Amino acid sequence: MSHSRAHRGLLLTAGALAAALALTACSGSPKGTSGGGGNTNFVTDVDGIATLPKGERPAPNELAGETLDGGRLDVADLKGKVVVLNLWGEWCNPCRAEAPHFTKAANELKPKGVEFVGINTRSNKLKSLEFEKDFEVPYPSLFDPYGKLVLNGFPKGAVQPQAIPSTLVLDRDGKIAARALKALSEDELRSMITPVLAEKAGGQ
């Protein structure tokens, strides 16, 4: 093999490795892990969706700040509604795959008292706005370019910063009832929301 061919082969191998690492970072983490070393008592089913019974649900920390479109949003103001939090980045192919499901569910479930909020992390603002336009995203996203909200906005172990996309469902009391550290199909997304929507605030 010539020196140039060997060099080209090494470059291709290095490129493939870099692409694989990027995909792994974007597509989530192994099922059944809580992440961050925290004991959050999530019980993960075979679909990679974790749930918590009432009485064992942690509340997120402060999730507030500037939105992609320049507005202000505090998730705490949505208490009393079921809130779906989606952690995403415009650089993430699995985020693109699940985006149509989130758009459809958000439009259909808003009249039932479900609010969707994105957390746009480690992303370029202009490209992220294009993403929202392309997928006709009807809900706001907090702009988190350095990942500070993802790192500080949740109890230890509730999310994995490298697991993008991730989705969490907050009950009407503002506590984390369900989460998924992966891209979701429409059926999976609705399976997380439906039981929480059937609950009453402060009760069963």
Protein backbone atom coordinates (compact mmCIF):
# COMPACT_ATOMS: atom_id res chain seq x y z
CA MET A 1 0.00 0.00 0.00
CA SER A 2 1.38 3.44 -0.91
CA HIS A 3 2.02 6.08 1.72
CA SER A 4 -0.75 8.30 0.28
CA ARG A 5 -3.29 5.46 0.33
CA ALA A 6 -2.37 4.55 3.90
CA HIS A 7 -2.68 8.18 4.95
CA ARG A 8 -6.07 8.45 3.26
CA GLY A 9 -7.21 5.28 5.02
CA LEU A 10 -6.20 6.68 8.40
CA LEU A 11 -8.09 9.89 7.71
CA LEU A 12 -11.21 7.95 6.74
CA THR A 13 -10.98 5.83 9.89
CA ALA A 14 -10.54 8.91 12.06
CA GLY A 15 -13.51 10.58 10.37
CA ALA A 16 -15.71 7.53 10.88
CA LEU A 17 -14.74 7.40 14.55
CA ALA A 18 -15.53 11.08 15.04
CA ALA A 19 -18.92 10.63 13.35
CA ALA A 20 -19.71 7.62 15.53
CA LEU A 21 -18.83 9.55 18.68
CA ALA A 22 -21.00 12.48 17.60
CA LEU A 23 -23.94 10.18 16.93
CA THR A 24 -23.54 8.48 20.30
CA ALA A 25 -23.49 11.82 22.09
CA CYS A 26 -26.62 12.89 20.26
CA SER A 27 -28.65 9.71 20.40
CA GLY A 28 -28.76 9.17 24.14
CA SER A 29 -27.43 6.84 26.79
CA PRO A 30 -27.95 3.20 27.74
CA LYS A 31 -31.44 2.30 28.91
CA GLY A 32 -32.04 1.97 32.59
CA THR A 33 -29.37 4.47 33.69
CA SER A 34 -30.24 7.50 35.74
CA GLY A 35 -27.11 9.46 34.88
CA GLY A 36 -25.07 11.83 36.98
CA GLY A 37 -24.74 9.33 39.82
CA GLY A 38 -27.98 10.51 41.40
CA ASN A 39 -30.59 8.18 42.85
CA THR A 40 -33.82 9.53 41.39
CA ASN A 41 -35.88 6.31 41.73
CA PHE A 42 -36.88 6.35 38.06
CA VAL A 43 -38.14 2.96 36.89
CA THR A 44 -37.26 2.47 33.22
CA ASP A 45 -39.39 0.16 31.09
CA VAL A 46 -38.32 -1.79 28.00
CA ASP A 47 -39.01 1.22 25.78
CA GLY A 48 -36.48 3.35 27.65
CA ILE A 49 -39.18 5.52 29.22
CA ALA A 50 -38.86 6.07 32.96
CA THR A 51 -41.69 7.00 35.32
CA LEU A 52 -42.04 7.99 38.95
CA PRO A 53 -45.08 7.43 41.19
CA LYS A 54 -46.67 10.39 42.92
CA GLY A 55 -44.95 11.13 46.19
CA GLU A 56 -41.51 10.27 44.79
CA ARG A 57 -41.26 12.91 42.08
CA PRO A 58 -38.58 15.59 42.31
CA ALA A 59 -39.21 19.13 41.15
CA PRO A 60 -36.83 20.70 38.65
CA ASN A 61 -34.64 23.57 39.76
CA GLU A 62 -35.13 26.99 38.18
CA LEU A 63 -35.82 26.73 34.45
CA ALA A 64 -36.10 30.32 33.31
CA GLY A 65 -34.46 32.65 30.86
CA GLU A 66 -34.48 34.00 27.33
CA THR A 67 -36.26 32.12 24.57
CA LEU A 68 -34.95 31.63 21.05
CA ASP A 69 -37.27 34.36 19.77
CA GLY A 70 -36.06 36.86 22.38
CA GLY A 71 -38.89 36.49 24.88
CA ARG A 72 -38.73 35.47 28.54
CA LEU A 73 -40.05 32.24 30.01
CA ASP A 74 -40.19 30.70 33.48
CA VAL A 75 -41.39 27.10 33.53
CA ALA A 76 -42.60 27.61 37.12
CA ASP A 77 -45.32 29.89 35.74
CA LEU A 78 -46.86 26.87 33.98
CA LYS A 79 -47.66 25.07 37.24
CA GLY A 80 -51.20 23.73 37.08
CA LYS A 81 -50.68 22.40 33.56
CA VAL A 82 -48.94 19.26 32.33
CA VAL A 83 -45.62 20.42 30.85
CA VAL A 84 -43.52 18.54 28.30
CA LEU A 85 -39.86 19.59 28.32
CA ASN A 86 -37.82 18.63 25.27
CA LEU A 87 -34.03 19.04 25.31
CA TRP A 88 -32.82 19.46 21.74
CA GLY A 89 -30.18 20.89 19.44
CA GLU A 90 -30.32 21.84 15.78
CA TRP A 91 -27.13 19.78 15.23
CA CYS A 92 -28.84 16.57 16.37
CA ASN A 93 -30.30 14.25 13.72
CA PRO A 94 -32.50 12.31 16.20
CA CYS A 95 -33.96 15.69 17.24
CA ARG A 96 -34.99 16.25 13.63
CA ALA A 97 -36.52 12.78 13.48
CA GLU A 98 -38.78 13.37 16.48
CA ALA A 99 -39.64 17.04 15.78
CA PRO A 100 -42.78 16.33 13.65
CA HIS A 101 -44.21 14.20 16.48
CA PHE A 102 -43.71 17.00 18.99
CA THR A 103 -45.28 19.58 16.68
CA LYS A 104 -48.35 17.41 16.11
CA ALA A 105 -48.80 16.48 19.78
CA ALA A 106 -48.29 20.07 20.96
CA ASN A 107 -50.97 21.39 18.63
CA GLU A 108 -53.45 18.65 19.53
CA LEU A 109 -52.90 18.60 23.30
CA LYS A 110 -52.68 22.32 24.09
CA PRO A 111 -56.51 22.62 24.37
CA LYS A 112 -56.37 19.83 26.98
CA GLY A 113 -53.97 21.74 29.23
CA VAL A 114 -50.62 20.43 28.01
CA GLU A 115 -47.84 22.94 27.42
CA PHE A 116 -44.65 22.11 25.50
CA VAL A 117 -41.36 23.89 26.18
CA GLY A 118 -38.09 23.25 24.40
CA ILE A 119 -34.64 23.67 25.91
CA ASN A 120 -32.36 24.43 22.99
CA THR A 121 -28.86 23.51 24.13
CA ARG A 122 -25.35 23.92 22.72
CA SER A 123 -26.81 25.30 19.50
CA ASN A 124 -26.50 28.15 17.04
CA LYS A 125 -29.43 30.55 17.45
CA LEU A 126 -30.00 31.31 13.76
CA LYS A 127 -29.83 27.64 12.76
CA SER A 128 -32.15 26.75 15.64
CA LEU A 129 -34.70 29.34 14.51
CA GLU A 130 -34.51 27.80 11.03
CA PHE A 131 -35.11 24.37 12.62
CA GLU A 132 -38.25 25.68 14.34
CA LYS A 133 -39.48 27.23 11.11
CA ASP A 134 -38.81 24.06 9.09
CA PHE A 135 -40.77 21.89 11.53
CA GLU A 136 -43.41 24.54 12.35
CA VAL A 137 -42.68 24.23 16.06
CA PRO A 138 -45.59 26.00 17.83
CA TYR A 139 -44.07 26.34 21.31
CA PRO A 140 -41.18 28.35 22.80
CA SER A 141 -37.69 27.09 23.54
CA LEU A 142 -35.38 28.39 26.23
CA PHE A 143 -32.04 29.28 24.64
CA ASP A 144 -29.26 27.43 26.47
CA PRO A 145 -26.15 27.84 24.26
CA TYR A 146 -23.66 26.70 26.91
CA GLY A 147 -25.74 23.94 28.51
CA LYS A 148 -26.11 25.74 31.86
CA LEU A 149 -29.86 25.10 32.14
CA VAL A 150 -29.38 21.43 31.36
CA LEU A 151 -26.62 21.14 33.97
CA ASN A 152 -28.24 23.22 36.71
CA GLY A 153 -31.97 23.10 36.01
CA PHE A 154 -32.63 19.54 37.15
CA PRO A 155 -32.04 17.42 40.26
CA LYS A 156 -28.89 15.31 40.17
CA GLY A 157 -29.45 12.23 38.03
CA ALA A 158 -32.67 13.44 36.41
CA VAL A 159 -31.05 14.10 33.04
CA GLN A 160 -27.81 13.28 31.28
CA PRO A 161 -26.31 16.36 29.62
CA GLN A 162 -24.88 14.25 26.80
CA ALA A 163 -28.25 12.59 26.09
CA ILE A 164 -29.80 14.85 23.47
CA PRO A 165 -32.67 14.62 22.73
CA SER A 166 -34.27 13.99 26.10
CA THR A 167 -37.86 14.57 27.19
CA LEU A 168 -39.39 15.07 30.63
CA VAL A 169 -43.05 15.40 31.58
CA LEU A 170 -43.98 17.55 34.57
CA ASP A 171 -47.24 16.92 36.39
CA ARG A 172 -49.63 19.71 37.37
CA ASP A 173 -47.71 20.18 40.61
CA GLY A 174 -44.60 20.98 38.59
CA LYS A 175 -42.80 17.72 39.44
CA ILE A 176 -41.02 15.29 37.11
CA ALA A 177 -43.35 12.38 36.39
CA ALA A 178 -41.68 10.78 33.36
CA ARG A 179 -38.57 11.04 31.24
CA ALA A 180 -36.94 9.52 28.16
CA LEU A 181 -33.26 9.87 27.30
CA LYS A 182 -33.76 9.20 23.58
CA ALA A 183 -35.66 10.28 20.49
CA LEU A 184 -39.37 9.43 20.71
CA SER A 185 -41.99 8.18 18.30
CA GLU A 186 -45.42 9.80 18.49
CA ASP A 187 -46.83 6.79 20.35
CA GLU A 188 -43.99 6.87 22.88
CA LEU A 189 -44.44 10.59 23.46
CA ARG A 190 -48.17 10.24 24.02
CA SER A 191 -47.62 7.25 26.32
CA MET A 192 -45.60 9.54 28.59
CA ILE A 193 -48.18 12.32 28.60
CA THR A 194 -51.52 10.47 28.80
CA PRO A 195 -51.20 9.02 32.35
CA VAL A 196 -49.98 12.35 33.75
CA LEU A 197 -52.80 14.21 32.03
CA ALA A 198 -55.29 11.87 33.69
CA GLU A 199 -54.05 12.83 37.17
CA LYS A 200 -55.40 15.65 39.30
CA ALA A 201 -53.14 18.27 40.85
CA GLY A 202 -52.09 17.27 44.36
CA GLY A 203 -54.01 13.98 44.14
CA GLN A 204 -53.95 10.65 42.38
